[in-house]
Amino acid sequence: MQVKVYNQLGEEAGIAELPEAVFGVKWNADLVHQVAVSYAANRRAGTAHARGRGDVRGGGKKPWRQKGTGRARHGSIRSPIWKGGGVTHGPQKEKVYEKKINKKMARRALWSVLSAKARDREILVIDDVKFPEAKTKAAAVMFRKFSGREEFSNIEKGNGVLVLLSGKDTAARRALRNLPYAGVEEARNLNMHTALQYRYILFPKSALETLK
């Protein structure tokens, strides 16, 4: 699959070949859903905890004798049917929500998402991303150039664009991190969950090589 390459001024600067193994994969909704649910489950803190009848204080003595009072029989004031008693079937902090996803499944789900974005023309390839002075203003100017193009008109709205870097680039990260519509990540750390959070994904040519 061939896509246009742009420079930081939003001008066309050539053609790039997207690897078919990554950007030519058929959409797999079931796999993407399974991996998305797993990412969400693995991020759960699991700290919610309700005290059962064995966790609350008191209740060591029988409230009243079994027979002869005319009242219903009870064995503990900490029964779930009493005010101040334990909770029945409440959440327990010992519960583990983690779900296992194989590496091949996670990788295949990422390819499926990237392929869908490529088909929807939401993959943006740029020759290089360099901000020598690490200024947010410089990054904003670059995205303003792209928002003027019809195919990238929504790049400055919401979670508009995820910028992938080929390696550790402190200047680029500092220039991009304060833009509310932009995210930044190293290409080697890209996962499906992050890719789905943004509409466009911006690849420098060097990051495409890293992704391969």
N, C-alpha and C. Protein backbone atom coordinates (compact mmCIF):
# COMPACT_ATOMS: atom_id res chain seq x y z
N MET A 1 0.84 -1.19 0.00
CA MET A 1 0.00 0.00 0.00
C MET A 1 0.88 1.24 0.00
N GLN A 2 0.62 2.16 -0.91
CA GLN A 2 1.40 3.38 -1.02
C GLN A 2 0.62 4.56 -0.44
N VAL A 3 1.35 5.42 0.28
CA VAL A 3 0.74 6.63 0.84
C VAL A 3 1.67 7.81 0.56
N LYS A 4 1.10 9.00 0.61
CA LYS A 4 1.89 10.21 0.40
C LYS A 4 2.74 10.50 1.63
N VAL A 5 3.92 11.05 1.39
CA VAL A 5 4.80 11.50 2.46
C VAL A 5 4.79 13.03 2.47
N TYR A 6 4.68 13.61 3.66
CA TYR A 6 4.63 15.06 3.80
C TYR A 6 5.84 15.53 4.59
N ASN A 7 6.13 16.82 4.48
CA ASN A 7 7.13 17.42 5.36
C ASN A 7 6.40 18.19 6.46
N GLN A 8 7.15 18.84 7.34
CA GLN A 8 6.53 19.52 8.48
C GLN A 8 5.77 20.77 8.09
N LEU A 9 5.88 21.18 6.85
CA LEU A 9 5.12 22.33 6.36
C LEU A 9 3.80 21.90 5.74
N GLY A 10 3.50 20.60 5.78
CA GLY A 10 2.27 20.09 5.21
C GLY A 10 2.33 19.92 3.71
N GLU A 11 3.52 19.94 3.15
CA GLU A 11 3.69 19.81 1.71
C GLU A 11 4.04 18.37 1.35
N GLU A 12 3.58 17.91 0.21
CA GLU A 12 3.90 16.57 -0.26
C GLU A 12 5.38 16.46 -0.57
N ALA A 13 6.00 15.37 -0.09
CA ALA A 13 7.44 15.21 -0.25
C ALA A 13 7.81 13.83 -0.77
N GLY A 14 6.86 13.11 -1.38
CA GLY A 14 7.20 11.81 -1.93
C GLY A 14 6.14 10.76 -1.64
N ILE A 15 6.54 9.51 -1.83
CA ILE A 15 5.65 8.36 -1.64
C ILE A 15 6.35 7.35 -0.73
N ALA A 16 5.57 6.74 0.16
CA ALA A 16 6.10 5.69 1.04
C ALA A 16 5.28 4.42 0.86
N GLU A 17 5.94 3.29 1.02
CA GLU A 17 5.30 1.99 0.91
C GLU A 17 5.03 1.46 2.31
N LEU A 18 3.75 1.27 2.63
CA LEU A 18 3.39 0.72 3.93
C LEU A 18 3.50 -0.80 3.87
N PRO A 19 4.14 -1.43 4.85
CA PRO A 19 4.27 -2.90 4.83
C PRO A 19 2.91 -3.59 4.85
N GLU A 20 2.71 -4.50 3.91
CA GLU A 20 1.43 -5.19 3.77
C GLU A 20 1.10 -6.03 5.00
N ALA A 21 2.12 -6.57 5.65
CA ALA A 21 1.88 -7.42 6.82
C ALA A 21 1.28 -6.65 7.99
N VAL A 22 1.49 -5.34 8.03
CA VAL A 22 1.00 -4.52 9.13
C VAL A 22 -0.24 -3.72 8.73
N PHE A 23 -0.24 -3.19 7.51
CA PHE A 23 -1.30 -2.27 7.08
C PHE A 23 -2.24 -2.88 6.05
N GLY A 24 -2.10 -4.17 5.79
CA GLY A 24 -2.99 -4.82 4.83
C GLY A 24 -3.74 -5.99 5.41
N VAL A 25 -4.01 -5.93 6.72
CA VAL A 25 -4.66 -7.03 7.43
C VAL A 25 -6.18 -6.82 7.43
N LYS A 26 -6.92 -7.90 7.28
CA LYS A 26 -8.38 -7.84 7.29
C LYS A 26 -8.88 -7.48 8.69
N TRP A 27 -9.95 -6.68 8.74
CA TRP A 27 -10.52 -6.27 10.01
C TRP A 27 -11.09 -7.47 10.76
N ASN A 28 -10.72 -7.59 12.05
CA ASN A 28 -11.17 -8.68 12.90
C ASN A 28 -11.82 -8.08 14.14
N ALA A 29 -13.13 -7.84 14.06
CA ALA A 29 -13.84 -7.16 15.15
C ALA A 29 -13.81 -7.96 16.44
N ASP A 30 -13.96 -9.29 16.35
CA ASP A 30 -13.98 -10.12 17.56
C ASP A 30 -12.65 -10.06 18.31
N LEU A 31 -11.56 -10.13 17.56
CA LEU A 31 -10.24 -10.08 18.19
C LEU A 31 -9.98 -8.71 18.81
N VAL A 32 -10.32 -7.65 18.09
CA VAL A 32 -10.12 -6.29 18.61
C VAL A 32 -10.92 -6.09 19.89
N HIS A 33 -12.16 -6.58 19.91
CA HIS A 33 -12.98 -6.45 21.11
C HIS A 33 -12.38 -7.23 22.27
N GLN A 34 -11.91 -8.43 22.01
CA GLN A 34 -11.34 -9.26 23.07
C GLN A 34 -10.09 -8.60 23.67
N VAL A 35 -9.25 -8.06 22.82
CA VAL A 35 -8.03 -7.41 23.32
C VAL A 35 -8.37 -6.12 24.05
N ALA A 36 -9.36 -5.36 23.54
CA ALA A 36 -9.77 -4.12 24.20
C ALA A 36 -10.31 -4.39 25.60
N VAL A 37 -11.12 -5.43 25.73
CA VAL A 37 -11.66 -5.80 27.04
C VAL A 37 -10.53 -6.21 27.98
N SER A 38 -9.54 -6.91 27.45
CA SER A 38 -8.40 -7.35 28.27
C SER A 38 -7.58 -6.17 28.77
N TYR A 39 -7.34 -5.19 27.88
CA TYR A 39 -6.60 -3.99 28.30
C TYR A 39 -7.36 -3.28 29.42
N ALA A 40 -8.68 -3.14 29.27
CA ALA A 40 -9.47 -2.45 30.29
C ALA A 40 -9.46 -3.23 31.61
N ALA A 41 -9.58 -4.55 31.52
CA ALA A 41 -9.58 -5.37 32.74
C ALA A 41 -8.24 -5.32 33.45
N ASN A 42 -7.16 -5.32 32.69
CA ASN A 42 -5.83 -5.32 33.30
C ASN A 42 -5.48 -3.98 33.94
N ARG A 43 -6.23 -2.93 33.58
CA ARG A 43 -5.98 -1.62 34.17
C ARG A 43 -6.80 -1.40 35.45
N ARG A 44 -7.70 -2.33 35.77
CA ARG A 44 -8.54 -2.17 36.95
C ARG A 44 -7.71 -2.31 38.22
N ALA A 45 -7.93 -1.42 39.15
CA ALA A 45 -7.18 -1.47 40.41
C ALA A 45 -7.66 -2.62 41.29
N GLY A 46 -8.95 -2.93 41.23
CA GLY A 46 -9.48 -4.02 42.04
C GLY A 46 -9.45 -3.73 43.53
N THR A 47 -9.63 -2.45 43.92
CA THR A 47 -9.55 -2.07 45.33
C THR A 47 -10.92 -2.02 46.01
N ALA A 48 -12.02 -2.16 45.25
CA ALA A 48 -13.35 -2.13 45.86
C ALA A 48 -13.52 -3.34 46.78
N HIS A 49 -13.98 -3.07 47.98
CA HIS A 49 -14.10 -4.16 48.95
C HIS A 49 -15.27 -3.89 49.89
N ALA A 50 -16.19 -4.83 49.98
CA ALA A 50 -17.30 -4.75 50.91
C ALA A 50 -17.09 -5.76 52.03
N ARG A 51 -17.32 -5.31 53.27
CA ARG A 51 -17.11 -6.21 54.40
C ARG A 51 -18.30 -7.17 54.57
N GLY A 52 -17.99 -8.43 54.67
CA GLY A 52 -19.01 -9.44 54.91
C GLY A 52 -19.32 -9.55 56.39
N ARG A 53 -20.18 -10.49 56.76
CA ARG A 53 -20.59 -10.62 58.16
C ARG A 53 -19.42 -11.03 59.05
N GLY A 54 -18.38 -11.63 58.46
CA GLY A 54 -17.23 -12.01 59.26
C GLY A 54 -16.23 -10.88 59.43
N ASP A 55 -16.45 -9.75 58.73
CA ASP A 55 -15.49 -8.63 58.79
C ASP A 55 -15.95 -7.48 59.68
N VAL A 56 -17.26 -7.38 59.94
CA VAL A 56 -17.76 -6.26 60.75
C VAL A 56 -17.66 -6.59 62.23
N ARG A 57 -17.68 -5.55 63.03
CA ARG A 57 -17.50 -5.73 64.48
C ARG A 57 -18.79 -6.20 65.14
N GLY A 58 -18.63 -6.85 66.27
CA GLY A 58 -19.77 -7.26 67.09
C GLY A 58 -20.38 -8.57 66.61
N GLY A 59 -21.55 -8.85 67.18
CA GLY A 59 -22.27 -10.04 66.76
C GLY A 59 -21.84 -11.32 67.43
N GLY A 60 -21.05 -11.22 68.49
CA GLY A 60 -20.59 -12.44 69.15
C GLY A 60 -21.65 -13.09 70.02
N LYS A 61 -22.61 -12.28 70.42
CA LYS A 61 -23.66 -12.79 71.32
C LYS A 61 -24.97 -12.90 70.56
N LYS A 62 -25.73 -13.94 70.85
CA LYS A 62 -27.06 -14.09 70.26
C LYS A 62 -27.96 -12.97 70.78
N PRO A 63 -28.67 -12.25 69.86
CA PRO A 63 -29.45 -11.08 70.30
C PRO A 63 -30.47 -11.40 71.39
N TRP A 64 -31.17 -12.47 71.23
CA TRP A 64 -32.13 -12.92 72.24
C TRP A 64 -32.29 -14.43 72.12
N ARG A 65 -32.94 -15.00 73.10
CA ARG A 65 -33.05 -16.46 73.10
C ARG A 65 -33.88 -16.95 71.92
N GLN A 66 -33.69 -18.20 71.59
CA GLN A 66 -34.27 -18.77 70.37
C GLN A 66 -35.79 -18.78 70.39
N LYS A 67 -36.36 -19.14 71.55
CA LYS A 67 -37.81 -19.32 71.61
C LYS A 67 -38.41 -18.49 72.74
N GLY A 68 -39.72 -18.26 72.62
CA GLY A 68 -40.45 -17.67 73.73
C GLY A 68 -40.59 -16.17 73.70
N THR A 69 -39.94 -15.46 72.81
CA THR A 69 -40.03 -13.99 72.83
C THR A 69 -41.09 -13.48 71.87
N GLY A 70 -41.55 -14.31 70.92
CA GLY A 70 -42.51 -13.87 69.93
C GLY A 70 -41.86 -13.20 68.73
N ARG A 71 -40.57 -13.05 68.81
CA ARG A 71 -39.85 -12.43 67.69
C ARG A 71 -39.16 -13.48 66.83
N ALA A 72 -38.77 -13.08 65.63
CA ALA A 72 -38.07 -14.02 64.75
C ALA A 72 -36.73 -14.39 65.35
N ARG A 73 -36.30 -15.60 65.09
CA ARG A 73 -35.03 -16.08 65.63
C ARG A 73 -33.86 -15.42 64.90
N HIS A 74 -32.83 -15.07 65.66
CA HIS A 74 -31.62 -14.47 65.08
C HIS A 74 -30.42 -14.98 65.85
N GLY A 75 -29.30 -15.08 65.13
CA GLY A 75 -28.09 -15.56 65.78
C GLY A 75 -27.01 -14.50 65.90
N SER A 76 -27.13 -13.42 65.10
CA SER A 76 -26.09 -12.39 65.15
C SER A 76 -26.65 -11.08 64.62
N ILE A 77 -26.28 -9.99 65.26
CA ILE A 77 -26.71 -8.67 64.78
C ILE A 77 -25.90 -8.25 63.55
N ARG A 78 -24.91 -9.04 63.17
CA ARG A 78 -24.11 -8.72 61.98
C ARG A 78 -24.57 -9.51 60.76
N SER A 79 -25.74 -10.10 60.85
CA SER A 79 -26.34 -10.76 59.69
C SER A 79 -26.61 -9.72 58.59
N PRO A 80 -26.54 -10.09 57.34
CA PRO A 80 -26.77 -9.13 56.25
C PRO A 80 -28.15 -8.48 56.26
N ILE A 81 -29.11 -9.07 56.96
CA ILE A 81 -30.45 -8.48 56.98
C ILE A 81 -30.60 -7.46 58.11
N TRP A 82 -29.55 -7.26 58.90
CA TRP A 82 -29.58 -6.26 59.97
C TRP A 82 -28.87 -4.99 59.52
N LYS A 83 -29.36 -3.84 60.03
CA LYS A 83 -28.67 -2.59 59.78
C LYS A 83 -27.29 -2.63 60.45
N GLY A 84 -26.26 -2.27 59.69
CA GLY A 84 -24.90 -2.35 60.21
C GLY A 84 -24.27 -3.72 60.06
N GLY A 85 -25.02 -4.64 59.44
CA GLY A 85 -24.48 -5.98 59.24
C GLY A 85 -23.59 -6.06 58.01
N GLY A 86 -23.14 -7.26 57.72
CA GLY A 86 -22.26 -7.46 56.57
C GLY A 86 -23.01 -7.36 55.25
N VAL A 87 -22.25 -7.30 54.18
CA VAL A 87 -22.81 -7.19 52.82
C VAL A 87 -22.76 -8.56 52.16
N THR A 88 -23.85 -8.91 51.51
CA THR A 88 -23.91 -10.19 50.82
C THR A 88 -23.44 -10.05 49.38
N HIS A 89 -22.53 -10.88 48.95
CA HIS A 89 -22.05 -10.93 47.57
C HIS A 89 -21.47 -9.58 47.09
N GLY A 90 -20.89 -8.83 48.01
CA GLY A 90 -20.27 -7.56 47.63
C GLY A 90 -18.91 -7.77 46.97
N PRO A 91 -18.33 -6.70 46.38
CA PRO A 91 -17.01 -6.83 45.74
C PRO A 91 -15.93 -7.13 46.76
N GLN A 92 -14.97 -7.95 46.37
CA GLN A 92 -13.88 -8.33 47.26
C GLN A 92 -12.55 -7.95 46.63
N LYS A 93 -11.66 -7.36 47.42
CA LYS A 93 -10.38 -6.90 46.89
C LYS A 93 -9.47 -8.06 46.48
N GLU A 94 -9.80 -9.26 46.91
CA GLU A 94 -8.99 -10.42 46.52
C GLU A 94 -9.28 -10.87 45.08
N LYS A 95 -10.36 -10.36 44.48
CA LYS A 95 -10.72 -10.79 43.14
C LYS A 95 -9.72 -10.26 42.12
N VAL A 96 -9.28 -11.11 41.23
CA VAL A 96 -8.32 -10.73 40.18
C VAL A 96 -9.07 -10.58 38.86
N TYR A 97 -8.99 -9.40 38.27
CA TYR A 97 -9.70 -9.11 37.02
C TYR A 97 -8.82 -9.34 35.79
N GLU A 98 -7.57 -9.61 36.00
CA GLU A 98 -6.62 -9.71 34.90
C GLU A 98 -7.01 -10.79 33.88
N LYS A 99 -6.86 -10.45 32.62
CA LYS A 99 -7.12 -11.39 31.54
C LYS A 99 -5.84 -11.54 30.71
N LYS A 100 -5.53 -12.76 30.35
CA LYS A 100 -4.31 -13.02 29.60
C LYS A 100 -4.57 -12.93 28.09
N ILE A 101 -3.71 -12.19 27.42
CA ILE A 101 -3.77 -12.10 25.97
C ILE A 101 -2.40 -12.49 25.42
N ASN A 102 -2.38 -13.43 24.51
CA ASN A 102 -1.12 -13.86 23.92
C ASN A 102 -0.50 -12.73 23.10
N LYS A 103 0.82 -12.73 23.00
CA LYS A 103 1.51 -11.68 22.25
C LYS A 103 1.08 -11.65 20.79
N LYS A 104 0.88 -12.82 20.21
CA LYS A 104 0.47 -12.87 18.81
C LYS A 104 -0.91 -12.27 18.62
N MET A 105 -1.80 -12.48 19.59
CA MET A 105 -3.15 -11.91 19.51
C MET A 105 -3.09 -10.40 19.62
N ALA A 106 -2.31 -9.89 20.58
CA ALA A 106 -2.19 -8.45 20.76
C ALA A 106 -1.59 -7.79 19.52
N ARG A 107 -0.59 -8.46 18.94
CA ARG A 107 0.06 -7.91 17.74
C ARG A 107 -0.91 -7.93 16.56
N ARG A 108 -1.66 -9.01 16.43
CA ARG A 108 -2.61 -9.12 15.32
C ARG A 108 -3.73 -8.07 15.45
N ALA A 109 -4.17 -7.82 16.68
CA ALA A 109 -5.21 -6.81 16.90
C ALA A 109 -4.69 -5.42 16.54
N LEU A 110 -3.43 -5.14 16.89
CA LEU A 110 -2.82 -3.85 16.52
C LEU A 110 -2.76 -3.71 15.00
N TRP A 111 -2.35 -4.76 14.32
CA TRP A 111 -2.29 -4.71 12.85
C TRP A 111 -3.67 -4.48 12.25
N SER A 112 -4.68 -5.08 12.84
CA SER A 112 -6.05 -4.93 12.35
C SER A 112 -6.49 -3.47 12.46
N VAL A 113 -6.18 -2.83 13.59
CA VAL A 113 -6.54 -1.42 13.80
C VAL A 113 -5.77 -0.52 12.85
N LEU A 114 -4.45 -0.75 12.72
CA LEU A 114 -3.64 0.07 11.82
C LEU A 114 -4.09 -0.08 10.37
N SER A 115 -4.47 -1.29 9.99
CA SER A 115 -4.95 -1.53 8.62
C SER A 115 -6.25 -0.78 8.36
N ALA A 116 -7.15 -0.79 9.36
CA ALA A 116 -8.41 -0.07 9.21
C ALA A 116 -8.17 1.43 9.08
N LYS A 117 -7.22 1.94 9.86
CA LYS A 117 -6.90 3.37 9.77
C LYS A 117 -6.27 3.70 8.42
N ALA A 118 -5.46 2.80 7.91
CA ALA A 118 -4.85 3.03 6.59
C ALA A 118 -5.91 3.09 5.50
N ARG A 119 -6.89 2.19 5.60
CA ARG A 119 -7.99 2.19 4.61
C ARG A 119 -8.85 3.44 4.72
N ASP A 120 -8.97 3.99 5.93
CA ASP A 120 -9.77 5.19 6.15
C ASP A 120 -8.95 6.47 5.97
N ARG A 121 -7.71 6.33 5.50
CA ARG A 121 -6.81 7.46 5.26
C ARG A 121 -6.56 8.26 6.55
N GLU A 122 -6.35 7.52 7.63
CA GLU A 122 -6.05 8.15 8.92
C GLU A 122 -4.61 7.88 9.34
N ILE A 123 -3.79 7.41 8.42
CA ILE A 123 -2.36 7.23 8.66
C ILE A 123 -1.63 8.36 7.93
N LEU A 124 -0.84 9.10 8.67
CA LEU A 124 -0.11 10.25 8.13
C LEU A 124 1.39 9.97 8.24
N VAL A 125 2.06 9.93 7.09
CA VAL A 125 3.51 9.67 7.07
C VAL A 125 4.22 10.98 6.77
N ILE A 126 5.21 11.29 7.59
CA ILE A 126 5.97 12.53 7.45
C ILE A 126 7.44 12.17 7.33
N ASP A 127 8.19 12.98 6.59
CA ASP A 127 9.60 12.63 6.37
C ASP A 127 10.41 12.63 7.66
N ASP A 128 10.11 13.58 8.56
CA ASP A 128 10.82 13.62 9.85
C ASP A 128 10.09 14.55 10.79
N VAL A 129 10.24 14.33 12.08
CA VAL A 129 9.67 15.21 13.11
C VAL A 129 10.82 15.73 13.95
N LYS A 130 11.13 17.01 13.77
CA LYS A 130 12.24 17.63 14.50
C LYS A 130 11.80 18.98 15.04
N PHE A 131 12.02 19.17 16.34
CA PHE A 131 11.74 20.46 16.98
C PHE A 131 13.00 20.84 17.77
N PRO A 132 13.95 21.47 17.12
CA PRO A 132 15.24 21.76 17.78
C PRO A 132 15.10 22.55 19.07
N GLU A 133 14.11 23.47 19.14
CA GLU A 133 13.96 24.32 20.32
C GLU A 133 12.96 23.77 21.33
N ALA A 134 12.35 22.65 21.01
CA ALA A 134 11.38 22.00 21.91
C ALA A 134 10.26 22.94 22.32
N LYS A 135 9.74 23.69 21.34
CA LYS A 135 8.68 24.66 21.61
C LYS A 135 7.32 24.11 21.17
N THR A 136 6.32 24.24 22.05
CA THR A 136 4.98 23.81 21.70
C THR A 136 4.43 24.59 20.52
N LYS A 137 4.83 25.84 20.42
CA LYS A 137 4.36 26.69 19.32
C LYS A 137 4.75 26.09 17.97
N ALA A 138 5.97 25.54 17.89
CA ALA A 138 6.43 24.95 16.62
C ALA A 138 5.58 23.74 16.26
N ALA A 139 5.23 22.91 17.23
CA ALA A 139 4.39 21.75 16.97
C ALA A 139 2.98 22.18 16.55
N ALA A 140 2.45 23.22 17.20
CA ALA A 140 1.11 23.71 16.86
C ALA A 140 1.07 24.24 15.43
N VAL A 141 2.14 24.91 15.01
CA VAL A 141 2.21 25.42 13.64
C VAL A 141 2.20 24.27 12.64
N MET A 142 2.91 23.19 12.95
CA MET A 142 2.95 22.04 12.05
C MET A 142 1.56 21.43 11.87
N PHE A 143 0.84 21.25 12.96
CA PHE A 143 -0.49 20.65 12.86
C PHE A 143 -1.49 21.60 12.20
N ARG A 144 -1.28 22.91 12.36
CA ARG A 144 -2.16 23.86 11.70
C ARG A 144 -2.01 23.76 10.19
N LYS A 145 -0.80 23.46 9.73
CA LYS A 145 -0.57 23.27 8.30
C LYS A 145 -1.36 22.06 7.79
N PHE A 146 -1.37 20.99 8.57
CA PHE A 146 -2.08 19.78 8.14
C PHE A 146 -3.59 19.94 8.23
N SER A 147 -4.07 20.69 9.23
CA SER A 147 -5.52 20.86 9.38
C SER A 147 -6.10 21.65 8.21
N GLY A 148 -5.25 22.35 7.48
CA GLY A 148 -5.70 23.07 6.30
C GLY A 148 -5.96 22.18 5.11
N ARG A 149 -5.50 20.92 5.19
CA ARG A 149 -5.75 19.95 4.13
C ARG A 149 -7.05 19.21 4.44
N GLU A 150 -7.85 18.97 3.42
CA GLU A 150 -9.18 18.38 3.62
C GLU A 150 -9.12 17.02 4.31
N GLU A 151 -8.12 16.18 3.95
CA GLU A 151 -8.08 14.82 4.50
C GLU A 151 -7.67 14.79 5.96
N PHE A 152 -7.07 15.88 6.47
CA PHE A 152 -6.65 15.93 7.87
C PHE A 152 -7.29 17.11 8.60
N SER A 153 -8.49 17.49 8.21
CA SER A 153 -9.12 18.69 8.75
C SER A 153 -9.48 18.57 10.23
N ASN A 154 -9.61 17.34 10.74
CA ASN A 154 -9.99 17.15 12.14
C ASN A 154 -8.81 16.85 13.05
N ILE A 155 -7.62 17.13 12.59
CA ILE A 155 -6.42 16.72 13.34
C ILE A 155 -6.25 17.51 14.63
N GLU A 156 -6.88 18.70 14.71
CA GLU A 156 -6.75 19.53 15.91
C GLU A 156 -7.99 19.45 16.80
N LYS A 157 -8.82 18.42 16.60
CA LYS A 157 -10.03 18.28 17.39
C LYS A 157 -9.98 17.02 18.24
N GLY A 158 -10.40 17.14 19.50
CA GLY A 158 -10.44 15.98 20.39
C GLY A 158 -9.09 15.31 20.53
N ASN A 159 -9.10 13.98 20.53
CA ASN A 159 -7.86 13.21 20.48
C ASN A 159 -7.49 13.05 19.01
N GLY A 160 -6.96 14.12 18.44
CA GLY A 160 -6.79 14.18 17.00
C GLY A 160 -5.69 13.32 16.43
N VAL A 161 -4.51 13.33 17.08
CA VAL A 161 -3.37 12.69 16.43
C VAL A 161 -2.41 12.11 17.47
N LEU A 162 -1.90 10.94 17.16
CA LEU A 162 -0.85 10.30 17.94
C LEU A 162 0.43 10.33 17.13
N VAL A 163 1.46 10.94 17.69
CA VAL A 163 2.75 11.05 17.00
C VAL A 163 3.66 9.94 17.52
N LEU A 164 4.16 9.13 16.61
CA LEU A 164 5.07 8.05 16.97
C LEU A 164 6.50 8.46 16.68
N LEU A 165 7.37 8.22 17.64
CA LEU A 165 8.79 8.55 17.49
C LEU A 165 9.58 7.26 17.32
N SER A 166 10.65 7.34 16.55
CA SER A 166 11.46 6.15 16.32
C SER A 166 12.32 5.79 17.53
N GLY A 167 12.56 6.77 18.41
CA GLY A 167 13.37 6.53 19.59
C GLY A 167 13.10 7.61 20.62
N LYS A 168 13.97 7.71 21.61
CA LYS A 168 13.81 8.73 22.64
C LYS A 168 14.20 10.09 22.07
N ASP A 169 13.23 10.99 22.00
CA ASP A 169 13.46 12.34 21.48
C ASP A 169 12.85 13.31 22.48
N THR A 170 13.67 13.79 23.42
CA THR A 170 13.17 14.64 24.49
C THR A 170 12.60 15.94 23.96
N ALA A 171 13.26 16.53 22.95
CA ALA A 171 12.79 17.80 22.41
C ALA A 171 11.41 17.66 21.77
N ALA A 172 11.23 16.61 20.97
CA ALA A 172 9.93 16.40 20.32
C ALA A 172 8.85 16.10 21.36
N ARG A 173 9.18 15.33 22.36
CA ARG A 173 8.20 14.99 23.39
C ARG A 173 7.78 16.25 24.15
N ARG A 174 8.71 17.13 24.46
CA ARG A 174 8.39 18.36 25.18
C ARG A 174 7.57 19.30 24.31
N ALA A 175 7.84 19.32 23.02
CA ALA A 175 7.09 20.19 22.12
C ALA A 175 5.66 19.73 21.94
N LEU A 176 5.41 18.43 22.04
CA LEU A 176 4.10 17.87 21.74
C LEU A 176 3.21 17.66 22.97
N ARG A 177 3.80 17.52 24.14
CA ARG A 177 3.05 17.03 25.29
C ARG A 177 1.97 18.01 25.79
N ASN A 178 2.11 19.31 25.50
CA ASN A 178 1.12 20.27 26.00
C ASN A 178 -0.01 20.55 25.02
N LEU A 179 0.01 19.91 23.86
CA LEU A 179 -1.08 20.08 22.91
C LEU A 179 -2.24 19.17 23.32
N PRO A 180 -3.43 19.72 23.56
CA PRO A 180 -4.55 18.90 24.08
C PRO A 180 -5.03 17.84 23.11
N TYR A 181 -4.80 18.02 21.82
CA TYR A 181 -5.30 17.09 20.82
C TYR A 181 -4.25 16.10 20.35
N ALA A 182 -3.04 16.17 20.89
CA ALA A 182 -1.94 15.33 20.40
C ALA A 182 -1.39 14.44 21.52
N GLY A 183 -0.99 13.25 21.13
CA GLY A 183 -0.30 12.34 22.03
C GLY A 183 1.03 11.95 21.42
N VAL A 184 1.94 11.48 22.22
CA VAL A 184 3.25 11.10 21.71
C VAL A 184 3.69 9.80 22.36
N GLU A 185 4.27 8.91 21.54
CA GLU A 185 4.69 7.60 22.02
C GLU A 185 5.80 7.09 21.12
N GLU A 186 6.67 6.25 21.69
CA GLU A 186 7.68 5.60 20.85
C GLU A 186 7.03 4.48 20.06
N ALA A 187 7.45 4.32 18.82
CA ALA A 187 6.84 3.33 17.93
C ALA A 187 6.95 1.93 18.51
N ARG A 188 8.03 1.62 19.19
CA ARG A 188 8.22 0.26 19.73
C ARG A 188 7.25 -0.04 20.87
N ASN A 189 6.64 1.00 21.46
CA ASN A 189 5.70 0.80 22.57
C ASN A 189 4.25 0.89 22.13
N LEU A 190 3.99 1.02 20.84
CA LEU A 190 2.62 1.18 20.37
C LEU A 190 1.80 -0.09 20.63
N ASN A 191 0.60 0.09 21.16
CA ASN A 191 -0.32 -1.04 21.32
C ASN A 191 -1.70 -0.65 20.81
N MET A 192 -2.58 -1.62 20.72
CA MET A 192 -3.89 -1.39 20.13
C MET A 192 -4.70 -0.39 20.94
N HIS A 193 -4.61 -0.46 22.27
CA HIS A 193 -5.38 0.43 23.13
C HIS A 193 -5.02 1.89 22.86
N THR A 194 -3.73 2.17 22.73
CA THR A 194 -3.29 3.54 22.45
C THR A 194 -3.69 3.98 21.05
N ALA A 195 -3.56 3.08 20.09
CA ALA A 195 -3.90 3.41 18.70
C ALA A 195 -5.38 3.77 18.55
N LEU A 196 -6.24 3.13 19.32
CA LEU A 196 -7.67 3.38 19.22
C LEU A 196 -8.09 4.70 19.86
N GLN A 197 -7.24 5.28 20.70
CA GLN A 197 -7.61 6.50 21.40
C GLN A 197 -7.52 7.74 20.50
N TYR A 198 -6.85 7.64 19.38
CA TYR A 198 -6.63 8.79 18.51
C TYR A 198 -7.19 8.53 17.12
N ARG A 199 -7.61 9.61 16.45
CA ARG A 199 -8.16 9.44 15.11
C ARG A 199 -7.05 9.21 14.09
N TYR A 200 -6.02 10.07 14.11
CA TYR A 200 -4.93 9.95 13.15
C TYR A 200 -3.67 9.45 13.87
N ILE A 201 -2.85 8.75 13.13
CA ILE A 201 -1.54 8.34 13.65
C ILE A 201 -0.48 8.86 12.69
N LEU A 202 0.44 9.64 13.24
CA LEU A 202 1.50 10.25 12.44
C LEU A 202 2.79 9.44 12.59
N PHE A 203 3.28 8.94 11.47
CA PHE A 203 4.51 8.15 11.45
C PHE A 203 5.61 8.93 10.76
N PRO A 204 6.70 9.26 11.44
CA PRO A 204 7.91 9.63 10.68
C PRO A 204 8.40 8.38 9.93
N LYS A 205 9.10 8.56 8.84
CA LYS A 205 9.57 7.42 8.06
C LYS A 205 10.44 6.49 8.90
N SER A 206 11.21 7.08 9.81
CA SER A 206 12.06 6.26 10.68
C SER A 206 11.24 5.40 11.63
N ALA A 207 10.08 5.90 12.07
CA ALA A 207 9.21 5.12 12.96
C ALA A 207 8.57 3.96 12.21
N LEU A 208 8.32 4.13 10.90
CA LEU A 208 7.80 3.03 10.10
C LEU A 208 8.81 1.88 10.07
N GLU A 209 10.07 2.22 9.97
CA GLU A 209 11.11 1.17 9.96
C GLU A 209 11.13 0.47 11.33
N THR A 210 10.97 1.23 12.41
CA THR A 210 10.93 0.63 13.74
C THR A 210 9.75 -0.32 13.87
N LEU A 211 8.60 0.07 13.32
CA LEU A 211 7.41 -0.75 13.41
C LEU A 211 7.58 -2.06 12.64
N LYS A 212 8.27 -2.01 11.52
CA LYS A 212 8.53 -3.24 10.76
C LYS A 212 9.27 -4.25 11.60
